[in-house]
């Protein structure tokens, strides 16, 4: 049941989003990618040295593919957030589990294997809950933003598949996340210099946002990598929707967001889909 690590990842990603929202006025998107990645490199390298582990790997190209696709996917989503309502952008970004389900269906059909209809149905049900919570809407001229967010969802599912492949090669989760954060550090720093005009000043007021974001992001990536690398892909994908539930609760607690009846219904649907998927996966194992 390593897939249950996705619940920890979802909670931590939601907490990270709180810190990102608080620090967004002081830092650019690529700058935030740089800081969260740099802190992850420092934290993980300290952990690796303390444990006597090594970052040496026979699968450097595999790490590069996972890191590039995952980081580029995140960049597309950040850009789409500037072009679309938040709910629409997040909904399209959370099509990753649907794409993952499509990949698995295609693979099962090619191998003439039995399709896991229960888990596939749970993913569709969970996405329906996401739509109820976020209630996406489109205006004229937002097609490009929608395509970017949808592309982010597609690339995200490919990145998760890469994690699964590295996990099957017995690459530990900390090494996968280390190379991901190392790539993100250079990606964010170069992107910030080219498109955002350099790093913003860090003060005693905003440093807490960077530290909170970085710690949550690093722990979340480790949990996500554990879930996709060693768990059931469909169950991990379905439980990924729980991030929406945690995000709504944190929005209520930290920002005073009001939850409507439709939002409550959507949260209930997401929880039910996660429970069904977990029970089905446990029976299958």
C-alpha atoms as a PDB file:
ATOM      1  CA  UNK A   1       0.000   0.000   0.000  1.00  0.00           C
ATOM      2  CA  UNK A   2       2.833   2.388  -0.799  1.00  0.00           C
ATOM      3  CA  UNK A   3       0.241   4.360  -2.805  1.00  0.00           C
ATOM      4  CA  UNK A   4      -1.070   5.796   0.472  1.00  0.00           C
ATOM      5  CA  UNK A   5       2.029   7.997   0.528  1.00  0.00           C
ATOM      6  CA  UNK A   6       0.055  10.071  -1.978  1.00  0.00           C
ATOM      7  CA  UNK A   7      -2.147  11.301   0.875  1.00  0.00           C
ATOM      8  CA  UNK A   8       0.926  12.732   2.610  1.00  0.00           C
ATOM      9  CA  UNK A   9       2.096  14.212  -0.700  1.00  0.00           C
ATOM     10  CA  UNK A  10      -1.285  15.840  -1.315  1.00  0.00           C
ATOM     11  CA  UNK A  11      -1.369  17.383   2.158  1.00  0.00           C
ATOM     12  CA  UNK A  12       2.180  18.712   1.810  1.00  0.00           C
ATOM     13  CA  UNK A  13       1.575  20.084  -1.704  1.00  0.00           C
ATOM     14  CA  UNK A  14      -1.503  21.896  -0.393  1.00  0.00           C
ATOM     15  CA  UNK A  15       0.541  23.364   2.464  1.00  0.00           C
ATOM     16  CA  UNK A  16       3.194  24.377  -0.082  1.00  0.00           C
ATOM     17  CA  UNK A  17       0.508  26.168  -2.097  1.00  0.00           C
ATOM     18  CA  UNK A  18      -0.395  28.215   0.988  1.00  0.00           C
ATOM     19  CA  UNK A  19       3.200  29.424   1.305  1.00  0.00           C
ATOM     20  CA  UNK A  20       3.407  30.073  -2.458  1.00  0.00           C
ATOM     21  CA  UNK A  21       0.259  32.193  -2.342  1.00  0.00           C
ATOM     22  CA  UNK A  22       1.606  34.159   0.619  1.00  0.00           C
ATOM     23  CA  UNK A  23       4.946  34.782  -1.107  1.00  0.00           C
ATOM     24  CA  UNK A  24       3.671  35.357  -4.659  1.00  0.00           C
ATOM     25  CA  UNK A  25       3.670  39.150  -4.231  1.00  0.00           C
ATOM     26  CA  UNK A  26       7.431  39.171  -3.552  1.00  0.00           C
ATOM     27  CA  UNK A  27       8.713  36.479  -5.920  1.00  0.00           C
ATOM     28  CA  UNK A  28       8.213  35.418  -9.534  1.00  0.00           C
ATOM     29  CA  UNK A  29       7.101  31.919 -10.583  1.00  0.00           C
ATOM     30  CA  UNK A  30      10.513  30.830 -11.893  1.00  0.00           C
ATOM     31  CA  UNK A  31      12.152  32.363  -8.850  1.00  0.00           C
ATOM     32  CA  UNK A  32       9.937  30.251  -6.607  1.00  0.00           C
ATOM     33  CA  UNK A  33      10.887  27.142  -8.601  1.00  0.00           C
ATOM     34  CA  UNK A  34      14.554  28.057  -8.035  1.00  0.00           C
ATOM     35  CA  UNK A  35      14.233  28.554  -4.287  1.00  0.00           C
ATOM     36  CA  UNK A  36      12.109  25.447  -3.649  1.00  0.00           C
ATOM     37  CA  UNK A  37      14.516  23.364  -5.744  1.00  0.00           C
ATOM     38  CA  UNK A  38      17.687  24.809  -4.175  1.00  0.00           C
ATOM     39  CA  UNK A  39      16.434  24.106  -0.675  1.00  0.00           C
ATOM     40  CA  UNK A  40      15.526  20.576  -1.764  1.00  0.00           C
ATOM     41  CA  UNK A  41      19.054  19.975  -3.090  1.00  0.00           C
ATOM     42  CA  UNK A  42      20.585  21.180   0.184  1.00  0.00           C
ATOM     43  CA  UNK A  43      18.231  19.162   2.381  1.00  0.00           C
ATOM     44  CA  UNK A  44      18.531  15.960   0.371  1.00  0.00           C
ATOM     45  CA  UNK A  45      22.296  16.179  -0.077  1.00  0.00           C
ATOM     46  CA  UNK A  46      22.658  16.609   3.684  1.00  0.00           C
ATOM     47  CA  UNK A  47      20.464  13.539   4.181  1.00  0.00           C
ATOM     48  CA  UNK A  48      22.483  11.550   1.612  1.00  0.00           C
ATOM     49  CA  UNK A  49      25.806  12.449   3.271  1.00  0.00           C
ATOM     50  CA  UNK A  50      24.499  11.719   6.757  1.00  0.00           C
ATOM     51  CA  UNK A  51      23.301   8.263   5.701  1.00  0.00           C
ATOM     52  CA  UNK A  52      26.413   7.469   3.689  1.00  0.00           C
ATOM     53  CA  UNK A  53      24.404   7.090   0.485  1.00  0.00           C
ATOM     54  CA  UNK A  54      25.583   8.103  -2.985  1.00  0.00           C
ATOM     55  CA  UNK A  55      24.058  10.101  -5.831  1.00  0.00           C
ATOM     56  CA  UNK A  56      25.850   7.931  -8.387  1.00  0.00           C
ATOM     57  CA  UNK A  57      23.426   6.304 -10.784  1.00  0.00           C
ATOM     58  CA  UNK A  58      23.468   4.155 -13.904  1.00  0.00           C
ATOM     59  CA  UNK A  59      20.253   5.829 -15.085  1.00  0.00           C
ATOM     60  CA  UNK A  60      21.250   9.477 -15.455  1.00  0.00           C
ATOM     61  CA  UNK A  61      19.273   9.928 -18.683  1.00  0.00           C
ATOM     62  CA  UNK A  62      16.169   8.507 -16.995  1.00  0.00           C
ATOM     63  CA  UNK A  63      16.537  11.071 -14.214  1.00  0.00           C
ATOM     64  CA  UNK A  64      16.981  13.829 -16.798  1.00  0.00           C
ATOM     65  CA  UNK A  65      13.793  12.829 -18.626  1.00  0.00           C
ATOM     66  CA  UNK A  66      11.773  12.729 -15.403  1.00  0.00           C
ATOM     67  CA  UNK A  67      13.210  16.058 -14.222  1.00  0.00           C
ATOM     68  CA  UNK A  68      12.790  17.930 -17.495  1.00  0.00           C
ATOM     69  CA  UNK A  69       9.248  16.731 -18.170  1.00  0.00           C
ATOM     70  CA  UNK A  70       8.115  17.332 -14.582  1.00  0.00           C
ATOM     71  CA  UNK A  71       9.651  20.811 -14.343  1.00  0.00           C
ATOM     72  CA  UNK A  72       8.390  21.878 -17.766  1.00  0.00           C
ATOM     73  CA  UNK A  73       4.924  20.626 -16.847  1.00  0.00           C
ATOM     74  CA  UNK A  74       4.991  22.774 -13.701  1.00  0.00           C
ATOM     75  CA  UNK A  75       6.070  25.816 -15.735  1.00  0.00           C
ATOM     76  CA  UNK A  76       3.163  25.395 -18.164  1.00  0.00           C
ATOM     77  CA  UNK A  77       0.755  25.232 -15.250  1.00  0.00           C
ATOM     78  CA  UNK A  78       2.192  28.391 -13.675  1.00  0.00           C
ATOM     79  CA  UNK A  79       1.792  30.212 -17.013  1.00  0.00           C
ATOM     80  CA  UNK A  80      -1.787  28.972 -17.405  1.00  0.00           C
ATOM     81  CA  UNK A  81      -2.608  30.383 -13.966  1.00  0.00           C
ATOM     82  CA  UNK A  82      -1.929  33.870 -15.373  1.00  0.00           C
ATOM     83  CA  UNK A  83      -4.310  33.266 -18.308  1.00  0.00           C
ATOM     84  CA  UNK A  84      -7.207  31.357 -16.740  1.00  0.00           C
ATOM     85  CA  UNK A  85      -9.387  31.399 -13.630  1.00  0.00           C
ATOM     86  CA  UNK A  86      -7.642  29.406 -10.897  1.00  0.00           C
ATOM     87  CA  UNK A  87     -10.385  26.762 -10.779  1.00  0.00           C
ATOM     88  CA  UNK A  88     -10.203  26.153 -14.531  1.00  0.00           C
ATOM     89  CA  UNK A  89      -6.418  25.933 -14.546  1.00  0.00           C
ATOM     90  CA  UNK A  90      -6.337  23.512 -11.612  1.00  0.00           C
ATOM     91  CA  UNK A  91      -9.085  21.337 -13.093  1.00  0.00           C
ATOM     92  CA  UNK A  92      -7.242  20.960 -16.397  1.00  0.00           C
ATOM     93  CA  UNK A  93      -3.961  20.357 -14.554  1.00  0.00           C
ATOM     94  CA  UNK A  94      -5.629  17.563 -12.591  1.00  0.00           C
ATOM     95  CA  UNK A  95      -6.359  15.651 -15.792  1.00  0.00           C
ATOM     96  CA  UNK A  96      -3.049  13.840 -15.107  1.00  0.00           C
ATOM     97  CA  UNK A  97      -4.824  10.860 -13.488  1.00  0.00           C
ATOM     98  CA  UNK A  98      -7.172  10.652 -16.491  1.00  0.00           C
ATOM     99  CA  UNK A  99      -4.231  10.552 -18.898  1.00  0.00           C
ATOM    100  CA  UNK A 100      -2.575   7.952 -16.674  1.00  0.00           C
ATOM    101  CA  UNK A 101      -5.730   5.854 -16.867  1.00  0.00           C
ATOM    102  CA  UNK A 102      -5.726   6.139 -20.679  1.00  0.00           C
ATOM    103  CA  UNK A 103      -2.085   4.992 -20.832  1.00  0.00           C
ATOM    104  CA  UNK A 104      -2.843   1.990 -18.645  1.00  0.00           C
ATOM    105  CA  UNK A 105      -5.928   1.073 -20.691  1.00  0.00           C
ATOM    106  CA  UNK A 106      -3.899   1.212 -23.922  1.00  0.00           C
ATOM    107  CA  UNK A 107      -1.126  -0.898 -22.364  1.00  0.00           C
ATOM    108  CA  UNK A 108      -3.628  -3.475 -21.061  1.00  0.00           C
ATOM    109  CA  UNK A 109      -5.359  -3.717 -24.450  1.00  0.00           C
ATOM    110  CA  UNK A 110      -2.046  -4.189 -26.266  1.00  0.00           C
ATOM    111  CA  UNK A 111      -1.048  -6.934 -23.820  1.00  0.00           C
ATOM    112  CA  UNK A 112      -4.595  -8.352 -23.823  1.00  0.00           C
ATOM    113  CA  UNK A 113      -4.756  -8.053 -20.057  1.00  0.00           C
ATOM    114  CA  UNK A 114      -7.897  -7.630 -17.969  1.00  0.00           C
ATOM    115  CA  UNK A 115      -8.780  -3.992 -17.405  1.00  0.00           C
ATOM    116  CA  UNK A 116      -9.129  -2.765 -13.785  1.00  0.00           C
ATOM    117  CA  UNK A 117     -12.549  -1.208 -14.363  1.00  0.00           C
ATOM    118  CA  UNK A 118     -13.148  -0.474 -10.680  1.00  0.00           C
ATOM    119  CA  UNK A 119     -10.003   1.647 -10.298  1.00  0.00           C
ATOM    120  CA  UNK A 120     -10.581   3.329 -13.648  1.00  0.00           C
ATOM    121  CA  UNK A 121     -14.127   4.213 -12.578  1.00  0.00           C
ATOM    122  CA  UNK A 122     -12.818   5.580  -9.269  1.00  0.00           C
ATOM    123  CA  UNK A 123     -10.516   7.968 -11.153  1.00  0.00           C
ATOM    124  CA  UNK A 124     -13.393   9.235 -13.298  1.00  0.00           C
ATOM    125  CA  UNK A 125     -15.523   9.664 -10.166  1.00  0.00           C
ATOM    126  CA  UNK A 126     -12.714  11.534  -8.418  1.00  0.00           C
ATOM    127  CA  UNK A 127     -12.290  13.886 -11.369  1.00  0.00           C
ATOM    128  CA  UNK A 128     -16.040  14.563 -11.305  1.00  0.00           C
ATOM    129  CA  UNK A 129     -15.559  15.628  -7.689  1.00  0.00           C
ATOM    130  CA  UNK A 130     -12.736  17.966  -8.737  1.00  0.00           C
ATOM    131  CA  UNK A 131     -15.019  19.584 -11.316  1.00  0.00           C
ATOM    132  CA  UNK A 132     -17.722  20.087  -8.670  1.00  0.00           C
ATOM    133  CA  UNK A 133     -15.239  21.725  -6.287  1.00  0.00           C
ATOM    134  CA  UNK A 134     -13.440  23.972  -8.776  1.00  0.00           C
ATOM    135  CA  UNK A 135     -16.302  24.617 -11.239  1.00  0.00           C
ATOM    136  CA  UNK A 136     -14.140  25.527 -14.260  1.00  0.00           C
ATOM    137  CA  UNK A 137     -15.345  28.157 -16.725  1.00  0.00           C
ATOM    138  CA  UNK A 138     -14.010  29.551 -19.996  1.00  0.00           C
ATOM    139  CA  UNK A 139     -14.187  32.981 -21.562  1.00  0.00           C
ATOM    140  CA  UNK A 140     -13.372  34.050 -25.099  1.00  0.00           C
ATOM    141  CA  UNK A 141      -9.650  34.215 -25.844  1.00  0.00           C
ATOM    142  CA  UNK A 142      -8.659  31.666 -23.175  1.00  0.00           C
ATOM    143  CA  UNK A 143      -8.039  28.732 -25.516  1.00  0.00           C
ATOM    144  CA  UNK A 144      -4.248  29.050 -25.293  1.00  0.00           C
ATOM    145  CA  UNK A 145      -4.308  29.029 -21.504  1.00  0.00           C
ATOM    146  CA  UNK A 146      -6.579  25.975 -21.528  1.00  0.00           C
ATOM    147  CA  UNK A 147      -4.245  24.135 -23.899  1.00  0.00           C
ATOM    148  CA  UNK A 148      -1.255  24.977 -21.695  1.00  0.00           C
ATOM    149  CA  UNK A 149      -3.000  23.681 -18.559  1.00  0.00           C
ATOM    150  CA  UNK A 150      -4.138  20.543 -20.386  1.00  0.00           C
ATOM    151  CA  UNK A 151      -0.591  20.009 -21.683  1.00  0.00           C
ATOM    152  CA  UNK A 152       0.644  20.353 -18.118  1.00  0.00           C
ATOM    153  CA  UNK A 153      -1.697  17.548 -17.083  1.00  0.00           C
ATOM    154  CA  UNK A 154      -0.516  15.329 -19.939  1.00  0.00           C
ATOM    155  CA  UNK A 155       3.180  15.950 -19.244  1.00  0.00           C
ATOM    156  CA  UNK A 156       2.596  15.428 -15.534  1.00  0.00           C
ATOM    157  CA  UNK A 157       1.230  11.944 -16.183  1.00  0.00           C
ATOM    158  CA  UNK A 158       4.265  11.152 -18.357  1.00  0.00           C
ATOM    159  CA  UNK A 159       6.575  12.358 -15.569  1.00  0.00           C
ATOM    160  CA  UNK A 160       4.788  10.078 -13.082  1.00  0.00           C
ATOM    161  CA  UNK A 161       5.259   7.177 -15.477  1.00  0.00           C
ATOM    162  CA  UNK A 162       8.966   8.002 -15.570  1.00  0.00           C
ATOM    163  CA  UNK A 163       9.004   7.816 -11.768  1.00  0.00           C
ATOM    164  CA  UNK A 164       7.430   4.360 -11.955  1.00  0.00           C
ATOM    165  CA  UNK A 165      10.096   3.215 -14.418  1.00  0.00           C
ATOM    166  CA  UNK A 166      12.894   4.489 -12.177  1.00  0.00           C
ATOM    167  CA  UNK A 167      11.273   2.782  -9.194  1.00  0.00           C
ATOM    168  CA  UNK A 168      11.198  -0.509 -11.097  1.00  0.00           C
ATOM    169  CA  UNK A 169      14.932  -0.055 -11.678  1.00  0.00           C
ATOM    170  CA  UNK A 170      15.273   0.116  -7.856  1.00  0.00           C
ATOM    171  CA  UNK A 171      16.271   3.774  -7.812  1.00  0.00           C
ATOM    172  CA  UNK A 172      15.493   5.080  -4.287  1.00  0.00           C
ATOM    173  CA  UNK A 173      12.947   7.884  -3.986  1.00  0.00           C
ATOM    174  CA  UNK A 174      15.474  10.287  -2.404  1.00  0.00           C
ATOM    175  CA  UNK A 175      17.789   9.963  -5.415  1.00  0.00           C
ATOM    176  CA  UNK A 176      14.943  10.564  -7.875  1.00  0.00           C
ATOM    177  CA  UNK A 177      13.891  13.691  -5.984  1.00  0.00           C
ATOM    178  CA  UNK A 178      17.509  14.863  -5.632  1.00  0.00           C
ATOM    179  CA  UNK A 179      18.053  14.948  -9.403  1.00  0.00           C
ATOM    180  CA  UNK A 180      14.619  16.525  -9.893  1.00  0.00           C
ATOM    181  CA  UNK A 181      15.441  19.355  -7.482  1.00  0.00           C
ATOM    182  CA  UNK A 182      18.944  19.748  -8.924  1.00  0.00           C
ATOM    183  CA  UNK A 183      17.495  20.203 -12.405  1.00  0.00           C
ATOM    184  CA  UNK A 184      14.835  22.587 -11.058  1.00  0.00           C
ATOM    185  CA  UNK A 185      17.513  24.721  -9.406  1.00  0.00           C
ATOM    186  CA  UNK A 186      19.306  25.445 -12.682  1.00  0.00           C
ATOM    187  CA  UNK A 187      16.030  25.671 -14.614  1.00  0.00           C
ATOM    188  CA  UNK A 188      14.542  28.205 -12.212  1.00  0.00           C
ATOM    189  CA  UNK A 189      17.713  30.294 -11.877  1.00  0.00           C
ATOM    190  CA  UNK A 190      18.311  30.548 -15.637  1.00  0.00           C
ATOM    191  CA  UNK A 191      14.631  31.171 -16.351  1.00  0.00           C
ATOM    192  CA  UNK A 192      14.470  33.869 -13.689  1.00  0.00           C
ATOM    193  CA  UNK A 193      17.524  35.638 -15.138  1.00  0.00           C
ATOM    194  CA  UNK A 194      16.104  35.530 -18.669  1.00  0.00           C
ATOM    195  CA  UNK A 195      12.449  36.316 -18.049  1.00  0.00           C
ATOM    196  CA  UNK A 196      12.062  37.869 -14.583  1.00  0.00           C
ATOM    197  CA  UNK A 197      15.058  40.195 -14.379  1.00  0.00           C
ATOM    198  CA  UNK A 198      16.935  38.548 -11.513  1.00  0.00           C
ATOM    199  CA  UNK A 199      16.266  37.481  -7.947  1.00  0.00           C
ATOM    200  CA  UNK A 200      14.142  39.555  -5.588  1.00  0.00           C
ATOM    201  CA  UNK A 201      15.421  40.626  -2.146  1.00  0.00           C
ATOM    202  CA  UNK A 202      14.821  38.205   0.726  1.00  0.00           C
ATOM    203  CA  UNK A 203      13.655  39.858   3.948  1.00  0.00           C
ATOM    204  CA  UNK A 204      12.775  38.724   7.439  1.00  0.00           C
ATOM    205  CA  UNK A 205       9.112  39.059   6.414  1.00  0.00           C
ATOM    206  CA  UNK A 206       9.155  36.818   3.333  1.00  0.00           C
ATOM    207  CA  UNK A 207      11.890  34.294   4.177  1.00  0.00           C
ATOM    208  CA  UNK A 208       9.393  32.207   6.164  1.00  0.00           C
ATOM    209  CA  UNK A 209       7.348  31.729   2.987  1.00  0.00           C
ATOM    210  CA  UNK A 210      10.385  30.431   1.112  1.00  0.00           C
ATOM    211  CA  UNK A 211      11.408  28.076   3.918  1.00  0.00           C
ATOM    212  CA  UNK A 212       7.881  26.738   4.388  1.00  0.00           C
ATOM    213  CA  UNK A 213       7.417  26.264   0.645  1.00  0.00           C
ATOM    214  CA  UNK A 214      10.786  24.536   0.266  1.00  0.00           C
ATOM    215  CA  UNK A 215      10.363  22.094   3.167  1.00  0.00           C
ATOM    216  CA  UNK A 216       6.809  21.161   2.152  1.00  0.00           C
ATOM    217  CA  UNK A 217       7.757  20.809  -1.531  1.00  0.00           C
ATOM    218  CA  UNK A 218      10.732  18.545  -0.809  1.00  0.00           C
ATOM    219  CA  UNK A 219       8.833  16.253   1.557  1.00  0.00           C
ATOM    220  CA  UNK A 220       5.874  16.221  -0.850  1.00  0.00           C
ATOM    221  CA  UNK A 221       8.086  15.187  -3.769  1.00  0.00           C
ATOM    222  CA  UNK A 222       9.602  12.373  -1.702  1.00  0.00           C
ATOM    223  CA  UNK A 223       6.126  11.137  -0.743  1.00  0.00           C
ATOM    224  CA  UNK A 224       4.832  11.399  -4.325  1.00  0.00           C
ATOM    225  CA  UNK A 225       7.866   9.544  -5.650  1.00  0.00           C
ATOM    226  CA  UNK A 226       7.330   6.783  -3.100  1.00  0.00           C
ATOM    227  CA  UNK A 227       3.683   6.482  -4.158  1.00  0.00           C
ATOM    228  CA  UNK A 228       4.245   6.384  -7.915  1.00  0.00           C
ATOM    229  CA  UNK A 229       7.582   4.590  -7.795  1.00  0.00           C
ATOM    230  CA  UNK A 230       6.551   1.719  -5.534  1.00  0.00           C
ATOM    231  CA  UNK A 231       2.758   1.831  -5.393  1.00  0.00           C
ATOM    232  CA  UNK A 232      -0.209   1.119  -7.650  1.00  0.00           C
ATOM    233  CA  UNK A 233      -0.292   3.699 -10.454  1.00  0.00           C
ATOM    234  CA  UNK A 234      -4.082   3.921 -10.646  1.00  0.00           C
ATOM    235  CA  UNK A 235      -4.599   4.093  -6.879  1.00  0.00           C
ATOM    236  CA  UNK A 236      -1.865   6.747  -6.553  1.00  0.00           C
ATOM    237  CA  UNK A 237      -3.492   8.716  -9.383  1.00  0.00           C
ATOM    238  CA  UNK A 238      -6.906   8.570  -7.729  1.00  0.00           C
ATOM    239  CA  UNK A 239      -5.567   9.596  -4.307  1.00  0.00           C
ATOM    240  CA  UNK A 240      -3.866  12.549  -5.990  1.00  0.00           C
ATOM    241  CA  UNK A 241      -7.284  14.226  -6.110  1.00  0.00           C
ATOM    242  CA  UNK A 242      -7.183  14.484  -2.310  1.00  0.00           C
ATOM    243  CA  UNK A 243      -4.941  17.538  -2.762  1.00  0.00           C
ATOM    244  CA  UNK A 244      -8.078  19.448  -3.778  1.00  0.00           C
ATOM    245  CA  UNK A 245      -9.752  18.497  -0.486  1.00  0.00           C
ATOM    246  CA  UNK A 246      -6.750  19.560   1.582  1.00  0.00           C
ATOM    247  CA  UNK A 247      -6.435  22.795  -0.436  1.00  0.00           C
ATOM    248  CA  UNK A 248     -10.070  23.726   0.189  1.00  0.00           C
ATOM    249  CA  UNK A 249      -9.728  23.069   3.927  1.00  0.00           C
ATOM    250  CA  UNK A 250      -6.535  25.141   4.114  1.00  0.00           C
ATOM    251  CA  UNK A 251      -8.198  27.923   2.151  1.00  0.00           C
ATOM    252  CA  UNK A 252     -10.957  27.948   4.760  1.00  0.00           C
ATOM    253  CA  UNK A 253      -8.500  27.963   7.671  1.00  0.00           C
ATOM    254  CA  UNK A 254      -5.850  30.404   6.399  1.00  0.00           C
ATOM    255  CA  UNK A 255      -7.734  32.680   3.986  1.00  0.00           C
ATOM    256  CA  UNK A 256     -11.334  32.522   5.189  1.00  0.00           C
ATOM    257  CA  UNK A 257     -12.606  30.973   1.929  1.00  0.00           C
ATOM    258  CA  UNK A 258     -16.278  30.050   1.967  1.00  0.00           C
ATOM    259  CA  UNK A 259     -17.214  26.485   1.012  1.00  0.00           C
ATOM    260  CA  UNK A 260     -20.457  26.224  -0.942  1.00  0.00           C
ATOM    261  CA  UNK A 261     -22.839  23.270  -0.953  1.00  0.00           C
ATOM    262  CA  UNK A 262     -21.486  22.255  -4.378  1.00  0.00           C
ATOM    263  CA  UNK A 263     -17.938  22.349  -3.011  1.00  0.00           C
ATOM    264  CA  UNK A 264     -18.949  20.178  -0.062  1.00  0.00           C
ATOM    265  CA  UNK A 265     -20.558  17.703  -2.452  1.00  0.00           C
ATOM    266  CA  UNK A 266     -17.419  17.631  -4.616  1.00  0.00           C
ATOM    267  CA  UNK A 267     -15.219  17.001  -1.555  1.00  0.00           C
ATOM    268  CA  UNK A 268     -17.488  14.124  -0.533  1.00  0.00           C
ATOM    269  CA  UNK A 269     -17.269  12.620  -4.037  1.00  0.00           C
ATOM    270  CA  UNK A 270     -13.446  12.834  -4.004  1.00  0.00           C
ATOM    271  CA  UNK A 271     -13.284  11.156  -0.588  1.00  0.00           C
ATOM    272  CA  UNK A 272     -15.660   8.374  -1.681  1.00  0.00           C
ATOM    273  CA  UNK A 273     -13.649   7.757  -4.863  1.00  0.00           C
ATOM    274  CA  UNK A 274     -10.438   7.495  -2.828  1.00  0.00           C
ATOM    275  CA  UNK A 275     -11.976   5.039  -0.368  1.00  0.00           C
ATOM    276  CA  UNK A 276     -13.389   2.870  -3.184  1.00  0.00           C
ATOM    277  CA  UNK A 277     -10.036   2.859  -5.016  1.00  0.00           C
ATOM    278  CA  UNK A 278      -8.162   1.925  -1.837  1.00  0.00           C
ATOM    279  CA  UNK A 279     -10.521  -0.952  -1.027  1.00  0.00           C
ATOM    280  CA  UNK A 280     -10.351  -2.279  -4.596  1.00  0.00           C
ATOM    281  CA  UNK A 281      -6.551  -2.075  -4.703  1.00  0.00           C
ATOM    282  CA  UNK A 282      -6.272  -3.829  -1.331  1.00  0.00           C
ATOM    283  CA  UNK A 283      -8.535  -6.648  -2.508  1.00  0.00           C
ATOM    284  CA  UNK A 284      -6.500  -7.014  -5.697  1.00  0.00           C
ATOM    285  CA  UNK A 285      -3.257  -7.282  -3.719  1.00  0.00           C
END
